[in-house]
Amino acid sequence: MNNGMPVRYKVAEAAKSAGVSASTLRLWESQGLVVPDRSDTGHRQYSAEDVARIKKIAWYRTERGLNPAAIREALESEEPSENSETADSSDLGRRLRSLRHGAGKTLDQVAGDIGIAASTLSTLERTSQGVSFKTLHDLAEYYGTTVSRLSGEERNEVPAVVRAGTWRTWPETTPGVTVQLLAEGRTMMDCHRFVLAPGAASEGAYRHDGEEFMHVLSGRLELVLDSDQFFDLGPGDSLYFESRRYHSWRNRHDGETILIWINTPPTF
């Protein structure tokens, strides 16, 4: 009995169920064709949906003779009808996939242009997770949009007042980084509340048009401008800078760091 819990398969079990070898399954994972969950101890855990996907991959490989890139495209073409009722958190991934298809690009082409692995981009498009803040910004810039728009920030009907604790939250693409909306709609400012877990970071420097302001509410943030100017910001500290300057950041506190972050115009 599984007491209603979803069935999870280990590598060997999933491979046997799908009729492939464990080494083949690991290869397909490295190619971004299937992305299993991980247990608390880091072991791969495959769902029944993953096993069904593996069987499709095997069919495309043996019966159609498709290469990994073509298999990914074939699987993606099936996903809209299969996942039409997925949670809102996957909207970002669907938007990115739609933009890529609109540009006539393959996963390998976009990943190569951005400088990331095709498997990482595939995971992002499927789950809206698994990339750094810098990579998300680079993808938005690549497609001529902004991270805020990709995250579903713009809505036609928005509240004039956003009550404490009722903030809408971006899809959590980057582990440990929570972005909450303090103002909604098509505004002249992006107004966000960042909650950073210990060690959370942008994982690289990025830049965009505009100006930005940040005010630390709690914790401690290190911000680096143009790779050579370091700012150690604590509770009550504020910083204002031009967004065209390369900037990166990291939570240097052993607990959460919370800050107000405003960009204008909304180019982030």
C-alpha atoms as a PDB file:
ATOM      1  CA  MET A   1       0.000   0.000   0.000  1.00  0.00           C
ATOM      2  CA  ASN A   2       1.167   3.525  -0.689  1.00  0.00           C
ATOM      3  CA  ASN A   3      -1.504   5.224   1.450  1.00  0.00           C
ATOM      4  CA  GLY A   4      -2.531   7.404  -1.473  1.00  0.00           C
ATOM      5  CA  MET A   5       1.000   8.715  -2.005  1.00  0.00           C
ATOM      6  CA  PRO A   6       2.194   8.941  -5.637  1.00  0.00           C
ATOM      7  CA  VAL A   7       4.410   6.059  -6.726  1.00  0.00           C
ATOM      8  CA  ARG A   8       8.096   6.891  -7.037  1.00  0.00           C
ATOM      9  CA  TYR A   9      10.603   4.789  -8.959  1.00  0.00           C
ATOM     10  CA  LYS A  10      14.366   4.543  -8.529  1.00  0.00           C
ATOM     11  CA  VAL A  11      16.595   4.685 -11.608  1.00  0.00           C
ATOM     12  CA  ALA A  12      16.732   0.920 -12.108  1.00  0.00           C
ATOM     13  CA  GLU A  13      13.001   0.545 -11.510  1.00  0.00           C
ATOM     14  CA  ALA A  14      12.062   3.320 -13.938  1.00  0.00           C
ATOM     15  CA  ALA A  15      14.453   1.978 -16.576  1.00  0.00           C
ATOM     16  CA  LYS A  16      13.045  -1.555 -16.263  1.00  0.00           C
ATOM     17  CA  SER A  17       9.444  -0.295 -16.437  1.00  0.00           C
ATOM     18  CA  ALA A  18      10.228   1.635 -19.624  1.00  0.00           C
ATOM     19  CA  GLY A  19      12.306  -1.142 -21.190  1.00  0.00           C
ATOM     20  CA  VAL A  20      15.617   0.731 -21.338  1.00  0.00           C
ATOM     21  CA  SER A  21      18.918   0.494 -19.462  1.00  0.00           C
ATOM     22  CA  ALA A  22      19.756   2.652 -16.455  1.00  0.00           C
ATOM     23  CA  SER A  23      22.742   4.126 -18.321  1.00  0.00           C
ATOM     24  CA  THR A  24      20.457   5.135 -21.204  1.00  0.00           C
ATOM     25  CA  LEU A  25      18.095   6.776 -18.749  1.00  0.00           C
ATOM     26  CA  ARG A  26      20.952   8.788 -17.214  1.00  0.00           C
ATOM     27  CA  LEU A  27      22.071   9.826 -20.707  1.00  0.00           C
ATOM     28  CA  TRP A  28      18.574  11.074 -21.547  1.00  0.00           C
ATOM     29  CA  GLU A  29      18.521  13.043 -18.306  1.00  0.00           C
ATOM     30  CA  SER A  30      21.830  14.739 -19.219  1.00  0.00           C
ATOM     31  CA  GLN A  31      20.258  15.664 -22.580  1.00  0.00           C
ATOM     32  CA  GLY A  32      17.258  17.267 -20.875  1.00  0.00           C
ATOM     33  CA  LEU A  33      14.750  14.735 -22.179  1.00  0.00           C
ATOM     34  CA  VAL A  34      13.525  13.703 -18.734  1.00  0.00           C
ATOM     35  CA  VAL A  35      14.031  15.514 -15.414  1.00  0.00           C
ATOM     36  CA  PRO A  36      13.252  13.423 -12.316  1.00  0.00           C
ATOM     37  CA  ASP A  37      12.638  14.773  -8.852  1.00  0.00           C
ATOM     38  CA  ARG A  38      15.260  14.314  -6.152  1.00  0.00           C
ATOM     39  CA  SER A  39      14.832  12.915  -2.666  1.00  0.00           C
ATOM     40  CA  ASP A  40      16.127  14.719   0.425  1.00  0.00           C
ATOM     41  CA  THR A  41      19.308  12.667   0.074  1.00  0.00           C
ATOM     42  CA  GLY A  42      19.742  13.573  -3.596  1.00  0.00           C
ATOM     43  CA  HIS A  43      18.582  10.286  -5.161  1.00  0.00           C
ATOM     44  CA  ARG A  44      16.563  10.371  -8.383  1.00  0.00           C
ATOM     45  CA  GLN A  45      12.839   9.718  -8.046  1.00  0.00           C
ATOM     46  CA  TYR A  46      10.745   9.064 -11.150  1.00  0.00           C
ATOM     47  CA  SER A  47       6.963   9.454 -11.224  1.00  0.00           C
ATOM     48  CA  ALA A  48       4.510   7.426 -13.276  1.00  0.00           C
ATOM     49  CA  GLU A  49       4.342  10.412 -15.661  1.00  0.00           C
ATOM     50  CA  ASP A  50       8.136  10.306 -16.002  1.00  0.00           C
ATOM     51  CA  VAL A  51       8.025   6.607 -16.887  1.00  0.00           C
ATOM     52  CA  ALA A  52       5.372   7.290 -19.527  1.00  0.00           C
ATOM     53  CA  ARG A  53       7.579  10.064 -20.928  1.00  0.00           C
ATOM     54  CA  ILE A  54      10.578   7.700 -21.012  1.00  0.00           C
ATOM     55  CA  LYS A  55       8.548   5.187 -23.016  1.00  0.00           C
ATOM     56  CA  LYS A  56       7.708   7.925 -25.528  1.00  0.00           C
ATOM     57  CA  ILE A  57      11.375   8.902 -25.757  1.00  0.00           C
ATOM     58  CA  ALA A  58      12.321   5.276 -26.428  1.00  0.00           C
ATOM     59  CA  TRP A  59       9.669   5.035 -29.144  1.00  0.00           C
ATOM     60  CA  TYR A  60      10.832   8.230 -30.857  1.00  0.00           C
ATOM     61  CA  ARG A  61      14.420   7.001 -30.680  1.00  0.00           C
ATOM     62  CA  THR A  62      13.926   3.444 -31.943  1.00  0.00           C
ATOM     63  CA  GLU A  63      10.901   3.746 -34.202  1.00  0.00           C
ATOM     64  CA  ARG A  64      11.435   7.231 -35.628  1.00  0.00           C
ATOM     65  CA  GLY A  65      15.219   7.460 -35.329  1.00  0.00           C
ATOM     66  CA  LEU A  66      15.055  11.000 -33.923  1.00  0.00           C
ATOM     67  CA  ASN A  67      18.035  12.686 -32.278  1.00  0.00           C
ATOM     68  CA  PRO A  68      17.709  14.274 -28.782  1.00  0.00           C
ATOM     69  CA  ALA A  69      16.890  17.756 -30.104  1.00  0.00           C
ATOM     70  CA  ALA A  70      14.153  16.399 -32.383  1.00  0.00           C
ATOM     71  CA  ILE A  71      12.758  14.253 -29.562  1.00  0.00           C
ATOM     72  CA  ARG A  72      12.511  17.299 -27.288  1.00  0.00           C
ATOM     73  CA  GLU A  73      10.645  19.209 -29.978  1.00  0.00           C
ATOM     74  CA  ALA A  74       8.282  16.281 -30.541  1.00  0.00           C
ATOM     75  CA  LEU A  75       7.549  15.958 -26.829  1.00  0.00           C
ATOM     76  CA  GLU A  76       6.954  19.708 -26.494  1.00  0.00           C
ATOM     77  CA  SER A  77       4.439  19.655 -29.329  1.00  0.00           C
ATOM     78  CA  GLU A  78       2.356  17.236 -27.258  1.00  0.00           C
ATOM     79  CA  GLU A  79       2.532  19.157 -23.971  1.00  0.00           C
ATOM     80  CA  PRO A  80      -0.047  21.962 -24.443  1.00  0.00           C
ATOM     81  CA  SER A  81      -2.959  19.528 -24.720  1.00  0.00           C
ATOM     82  CA  GLU A  82      -1.592  17.314 -21.939  1.00  0.00           C
ATOM     83  CA  ASN A  83      -0.845  20.097 -19.480  1.00  0.00           C
ATOM     84  CA  SER A  84      -3.581  22.618 -20.173  1.00  0.00           C
ATOM     85  CA  GLU A  85      -4.606  22.636 -16.513  1.00  0.00           C
ATOM     86  CA  THR A  86      -1.187  22.852 -14.868  1.00  0.00           C
ATOM     87  CA  ALA A  87      -0.604  25.281 -12.008  1.00  0.00           C
ATOM     88  CA  ASP A  88       0.026  28.955 -12.630  1.00  0.00           C
ATOM     89  CA  SER A  89       3.651  28.475 -11.554  1.00  0.00           C
ATOM     90  CA  SER A  90       4.349  26.789 -14.916  1.00  0.00           C
ATOM     91  CA  ASP A  91       3.121  29.804 -16.913  1.00  0.00           C
ATOM     92  CA  LEU A  92       6.609  31.305 -17.092  1.00  0.00           C
ATOM     93  CA  GLY A  93       7.983  28.162 -18.685  1.00  0.00           C
ATOM     94  CA  ARG A  94       5.147  28.099 -21.201  1.00  0.00           C
ATOM     95  CA  ARG A  95       5.752  31.758 -22.057  1.00  0.00           C
ATOM     96  CA  LEU A  96       9.433  31.064 -22.679  1.00  0.00           C
ATOM     97  CA  ARG A  97       8.622  28.078 -24.856  1.00  0.00           C
ATOM     98  CA  SER A  98       6.088  30.121 -26.843  1.00  0.00           C
ATOM     99  CA  LEU A  99       8.651  32.891 -27.371  1.00  0.00           C
ATOM    100  CA  ARG A 100      11.221  30.355 -28.547  1.00  0.00           C
ATOM    101  CA  HIS A 101       8.798  28.753 -30.973  1.00  0.00           C
ATOM    102  CA  GLY A 102       7.774  32.195 -32.214  1.00  0.00           C
ATOM    103  CA  ALA A 103      11.423  32.970 -32.918  1.00  0.00           C
ATOM    104  CA  GLY A 104      11.807  29.687 -34.800  1.00  0.00           C
ATOM    105  CA  LYS A 105      14.562  28.545 -32.444  1.00  0.00           C
ATOM    106  CA  THR A 106      15.371  25.110 -31.052  1.00  0.00           C
ATOM    107  CA  LEU A 107      16.341  24.464 -27.427  1.00  0.00           C
ATOM    108  CA  ASP A 108      19.935  23.881 -28.503  1.00  0.00           C
ATOM    109  CA  GLN A 109      20.086  27.162 -30.423  1.00  0.00           C
ATOM    110  CA  VAL A 110      18.753  29.315 -27.573  1.00  0.00           C
ATOM    111  CA  ALA A 111      20.803  27.503 -24.945  1.00  0.00           C
ATOM    112  CA  GLY A 112      23.933  27.993 -27.038  1.00  0.00           C
ATOM    113  CA  ASP A 113      23.214  31.685 -27.562  1.00  0.00           C
ATOM    114  CA  ILE A 114      22.603  32.233 -23.825  1.00  0.00           C
ATOM    115  CA  GLY A 115      25.491  30.043 -22.710  1.00  0.00           C
ATOM    116  CA  ILE A 116      23.593  27.409 -20.717  1.00  0.00           C
ATOM    117  CA  ALA A 117      22.951  23.691 -21.145  1.00  0.00           C
ATOM    118  CA  ALA A 118      19.987  22.654 -23.295  1.00  0.00           C
ATOM    119  CA  SER A 119      18.874  20.405 -20.427  1.00  0.00           C
ATOM    120  CA  THR A 120      18.711  23.441 -18.110  1.00  0.00           C
ATOM    121  CA  LEU A 121      16.549  25.361 -20.574  1.00  0.00           C
ATOM    122  CA  SER A 122      14.334  22.330 -21.092  1.00  0.00           C
ATOM    123  CA  THR A 123      13.793  22.039 -17.336  1.00  0.00           C
ATOM    124  CA  LEU A 124      12.949  25.745 -17.092  1.00  0.00           C
ATOM    125  CA  GLU A 125      10.391  25.545 -19.902  1.00  0.00           C
ATOM    126  CA  ARG A 126       8.766  22.488 -18.336  1.00  0.00           C
ATOM    127  CA  THR A 127       8.832  23.446 -14.644  1.00  0.00           C
ATOM    128  CA  SER A 128       9.574  27.221 -14.459  1.00  0.00           C
ATOM    129  CA  GLN A 129      12.485  26.323 -12.174  1.00  0.00           C
ATOM    130  CA  GLY A 130      16.185  25.589 -12.174  1.00  0.00           C
ATOM    131  CA  VAL A 131      18.009  28.727 -13.357  1.00  0.00           C
ATOM    132  CA  SER A 132      19.883  31.607 -11.767  1.00  0.00           C
ATOM    133  CA  PHE A 133      18.471  35.108 -11.601  1.00  0.00           C
ATOM    134  CA  LYS A 134      21.083  36.232 -14.128  1.00  0.00           C
ATOM    135  CA  THR A 135      20.077  33.504 -16.601  1.00  0.00           C
ATOM    136  CA  LEU A 136      16.419  34.460 -16.308  1.00  0.00           C
ATOM    137  CA  HIS A 137      17.335  38.084 -17.040  1.00  0.00           C
ATOM    138  CA  ASP A 138      19.490  37.020 -20.014  1.00  0.00           C
ATOM    139  CA  LEU A 139      16.588  35.032 -21.478  1.00  0.00           C
ATOM    140  CA  ALA A 140      14.194  37.966 -21.067  1.00  0.00           C
ATOM    141  CA  GLU A 141      16.664  40.259 -22.829  1.00  0.00           C
ATOM    142  CA  TYR A 142      17.208  37.654 -25.564  1.00  0.00           C
ATOM    143  CA  TYR A 143      13.477  37.622 -26.343  1.00  0.00           C
ATOM    144  CA  GLY A 144      13.089  41.394 -26.079  1.00  0.00           C
ATOM    145  CA  THR A 145      10.959  41.351 -22.939  1.00  0.00           C
ATOM    146  CA  THR A 146      11.461  41.710 -19.171  1.00  0.00           C
ATOM    147  CA  VAL A 147      11.577  39.309 -16.238  1.00  0.00           C
ATOM    148  CA  SER A 148       8.546  41.053 -14.740  1.00  0.00           C
ATOM    149  CA  ARG A 149       6.439  40.419 -17.853  1.00  0.00           C
ATOM    150  CA  LEU A 150       7.608  36.813 -18.101  1.00  0.00           C
ATOM    151  CA  SER A 151       6.630  36.298 -14.476  1.00  0.00           C
ATOM    152  CA  GLY A 152       3.035  37.366 -15.204  1.00  0.00           C
ATOM    153  CA  GLU A 153       3.228  40.678 -13.368  1.00  0.00           C
ATOM    154  CA  GLU A 154       1.087  42.707 -15.775  1.00  0.00           C
ATOM    155  CA  ARG A 155      -2.668  42.260 -15.382  1.00  0.00           C
ATOM    156  CA  ASN A 156      -5.572  44.381 -16.593  1.00  0.00           C
ATOM    157  CA  GLU A 157      -7.563  44.387 -13.356  1.00  0.00           C
ATOM    158  CA  VAL A 158      -5.384  45.123 -10.343  1.00  0.00           C
ATOM    159  CA  PRO A 159      -6.065  46.276  -6.776  1.00  0.00           C
ATOM    160  CA  ALA A 160      -5.249  49.881  -5.833  1.00  0.00           C
ATOM    161  CA  VAL A 161      -4.167  48.724  -2.383  1.00  0.00           C
ATOM    162  CA  VAL A 162      -2.050  45.635  -1.767  1.00  0.00           C
ATOM    163  CA  ARG A 163      -2.606  44.503   1.809  1.00  0.00           C
ATOM    164  CA  ALA A 164       0.200  43.164   3.987  1.00  0.00           C
ATOM    165  CA  GLY A 165       0.724  39.467   3.446  1.00  0.00           C
ATOM    166  CA  THR A 166      -1.428  39.289   0.297  1.00  0.00           C
ATOM    167  CA  TRP A 167       1.414  39.884  -2.173  1.00  0.00           C
ATOM    168  CA  ARG A 168       1.378  37.846  -5.358  1.00  0.00           C
ATOM    169  CA  THR A 169       4.624  35.971  -5.883  1.00  0.00           C
ATOM    170  CA  TRP A 170       6.689  35.297  -8.988  1.00  0.00           C
ATOM    171  CA  PRO A 171       7.318  31.668  -9.952  1.00  0.00           C
ATOM    172  CA  GLU A 172      10.359  30.631  -7.890  1.00  0.00           C
ATOM    173  CA  THR A 173      12.787  29.964 -10.730  1.00  0.00           C
ATOM    174  CA  THR A 174      15.833  30.459  -8.515  1.00  0.00           C
ATOM    175  CA  PRO A 175      16.209  28.491  -5.260  1.00  0.00           C
ATOM    176  CA  GLY A 176      16.034  30.729  -2.211  1.00  0.00           C
ATOM    177  CA  VAL A 177      14.809  33.835  -4.067  1.00  0.00           C
ATOM    178  CA  THR A 178      11.199  34.914  -3.488  1.00  0.00           C
ATOM    179  CA  VAL A 179       9.916  37.998  -5.312  1.00  0.00           C
ATOM    180  CA  GLN A 180       6.616  39.520  -4.164  1.00  0.00           C
ATOM    181  CA  LEU A 181       4.635  42.263  -5.914  1.00  0.00           C
ATOM    182  CA  LEU A 182       4.035  45.463  -3.940  1.00  0.00           C
ATOM    183  CA  ALA A 183       2.221  47.177  -6.825  1.00  0.00           C
ATOM    184  CA  GLU A 184       0.517  45.625  -9.824  1.00  0.00           C
ATOM    185  CA  GLY A 185      -0.511  46.607 -13.317  1.00  0.00           C
ATOM    186  CA  ARG A 186       1.169  48.596 -16.071  1.00  0.00           C
ATOM    187  CA  THR A 187       3.067  51.027 -13.866  1.00  0.00           C
ATOM    188  CA  MET A 188       6.129  53.207 -14.403  1.00  0.00           C
ATOM    189  CA  MET A 189       7.893  51.379 -11.591  1.00  0.00           C
ATOM    190  CA  ASP A 190       8.526  47.726 -10.776  1.00  0.00           C
ATOM    191  CA  CYS A 191       7.944  47.573  -7.009  1.00  0.00           C
ATOM    192  CA  HIS A 192       9.047  44.327  -5.400  1.00  0.00           C
ATOM    193  CA  ARG A 193       9.685  42.779  -2.012  1.00  0.00           C
ATOM    194  CA  PHE A 194      12.631  40.362  -2.174  1.00  0.00           C
ATOM    195  CA  VAL A 195      12.982  37.599   0.414  1.00  0.00           C
ATOM    196  CA  LEU A 196      16.394  35.925   0.137  1.00  0.00           C
ATOM    197  CA  ALA A 197      17.290  32.679   1.883  1.00  0.00           C
ATOM    198  CA  PRO A 198      20.804  32.367   3.375  1.00  0.00           C
ATOM    199  CA  GLY A 199      23.345  32.274   0.544  1.00  0.00           C
ATOM    200  CA  ALA A 200      20.811  33.174  -2.164  1.00  0.00           C
ATOM    201  CA  ALA A 201      22.458  35.127  -4.975  1.00  0.00           C
ATOM    202  CA  SER A 202      22.037  36.401  -8.516  1.00  0.00           C
ATOM    203  CA  GLU A 203      24.850  34.012  -9.581  1.00  0.00           C
ATOM    204  CA  GLY A 204      26.297  36.538 -11.989  1.00  0.00           C
ATOM    205  CA  ALA A 205      26.082  40.187 -12.989  1.00  0.00           C
ATOM    206  CA  TYR A 206      23.448  41.639 -15.299  1.00  0.00           C
ATOM    207  CA  ARG A 207      22.295  45.076 -16.456  1.00  0.00           C
ATOM    208  CA  HIS A 208      19.334  46.732 -18.171  1.00  0.00           C
ATOM    209  CA  ASP A 209      17.916  50.185 -18.872  1.00  0.00           C
ATOM    210  CA  GLY A 210      16.643  52.478 -16.136  1.00  0.00           C
ATOM    211  CA  GLU A 211      17.452  53.260 -12.527  1.00  0.00           C
ATOM    212  CA  GLU A 212      16.817  51.319  -9.349  1.00  0.00           C
ATOM    213  CA  PHE A 213      16.468  51.783  -5.630  1.00  0.00           C
ATOM    214  CA  MET A 214      16.735  49.255  -2.837  1.00  0.00           C
ATOM    215  CA  HIS A 215      16.068  49.507   0.886  1.00  0.00           C
ATOM    216  CA  VAL A 216      17.034  46.691   3.262  1.00  0.00           C
ATOM    217  CA  LEU A 217      14.386  45.835   5.846  1.00  0.00           C
ATOM    218  CA  SER A 218      16.242  43.019   7.590  1.00  0.00           C
ATOM    219  CA  GLY A 219      19.338  40.857   7.148  1.00  0.00           C
ATOM    220  CA  ARG A 220      22.392  41.854   5.121  1.00  0.00           C
ATOM    221  CA  LEU A 221      22.934  42.174   1.375  1.00  0.00           C
ATOM    222  CA  GLU A 222      26.154  42.473  -0.601  1.00  0.00           C
ATOM    223  CA  LEU A 223      25.733  44.342  -3.890  1.00  0.00           C
ATOM    224  CA  VAL A 224      28.556  44.592  -6.437  1.00  0.00           C
ATOM    225  CA  LEU A 225      28.560  47.263  -9.161  1.00  0.00           C
ATOM    226  CA  ASP A 226      30.780  46.952 -12.251  1.00  0.00           C
ATOM    227  CA  SER A 227      32.705  44.112 -10.587  1.00  0.00           C
ATOM    228  CA  ASP A 228      34.770  46.466  -8.443  1.00  0.00           C
ATOM    229  CA  GLN A 229      32.430  48.439  -6.169  1.00  0.00           C
ATOM    230  CA  PHE A 230      31.213  46.489  -3.144  1.00  0.00           C
ATOM    231  CA  PHE A 231      28.359  47.630  -0.926  1.00  0.00           C
ATOM    232  CA  ASP A 232      27.507  45.883   2.341  1.00  0.00           C
ATOM    233  CA  LEU A 233      23.932  46.869   3.164  1.00  0.00           C
ATOM    234  CA  GLY A 234      22.246  46.233   6.504  1.00  0.00           C
ATOM    235  CA  PRO A 235      18.809  47.013   7.983  1.00  0.00           C
ATOM    236  CA  GLY A 236      17.738  50.578   7.176  1.00  0.00           C
ATOM    237  CA  ASP A 237      20.381  51.060   4.448  1.00  0.00           C
ATOM    238  CA  SER A 238      19.381  52.233   0.949  1.00  0.00           C
ATOM    239  CA  LEU A 239      21.154  52.360  -2.393  1.00  0.00           C
ATOM    240  CA  TYR A 240      20.269  54.076  -5.683  1.00  0.00           C
ATOM    241  CA  PHE A 241      22.126  53.321  -8.945  1.00  0.00           C
ATOM    242  CA  GLU A 242      21.820  53.295 -12.738  1.00  0.00           C
ATOM    243  CA  SER A 243      20.608  49.934 -13.989  1.00  0.00           C
ATOM    244  CA  ARG A 244      23.006  49.988 -16.955  1.00  0.00           C
ATOM    245  CA  ARG A 245      25.808  49.295 -14.514  1.00  0.00           C
ATOM    246  CA  TYR A 246      26.515  45.597 -14.125  1.00  0.00           C
ATOM    247  CA  HIS A 247      25.163  44.487 -10.768  1.00  0.00           C
ATOM    248  CA  SER A 248      25.198  41.261  -8.815  1.00  0.00           C
ATOM    249  CA  TRP A 249      24.090  40.478  -5.298  1.00  0.00           C
ATOM    250  CA  ARG A 250      24.173  37.922  -2.492  1.00  0.00           C
ATOM    251  CA  ASN A 251      22.546  37.438   0.901  1.00  0.00           C
ATOM    252  CA  ARG A 252      25.481  37.540   3.341  1.00  0.00           C
ATOM    253  CA  HIS A 253      23.253  37.014   6.386  1.00  0.00           C
ATOM    254  CA  ASP A 254      22.918  33.654   8.167  1.00  0.00           C
ATOM    255  CA  GLY A 255      19.132  34.137   8.052  1.00  0.00           C
ATOM    256  CA  GLU A 256      16.695  35.677   5.594  1.00  0.00           C
ATOM    257  CA  THR A 257      17.386  39.066   4.051  1.00  0.00           C
ATOM    258  CA  ILE A 258      14.308  41.090   3.108  1.00  0.00           C
ATOM    259  CA  LEU A 259      14.424  44.249   1.007  1.00  0.00           C
ATOM    260  CA  ILE A 260      12.290  46.609  -1.043  1.00  0.00           C
ATOM    261  CA  TRP A 261      13.562  46.843  -4.624  1.00  0.00           C
ATOM    262  CA  ILE A 262      12.206  49.346  -7.164  1.00  0.00           C
ATOM    263  CA  ASN A 263      13.104  49.660 -10.860  1.00  0.00           C
ATOM    264  CA  THR A 264      12.033  52.510 -13.129  1.00  0.00           C
ATOM    265  CA  PRO A 265      11.033  52.392 -15.894  1.00  0.00           C
ATOM    266  CA  PRO A 266       9.918  48.738 -15.601  1.00  0.00           C
ATOM    267  CA  THR A 267      12.775  47.246 -17.608  1.00  0.00           C
ATOM    268  CA  PHE A 268      13.707  44.394 -15.276  1.00  0.00           C
END
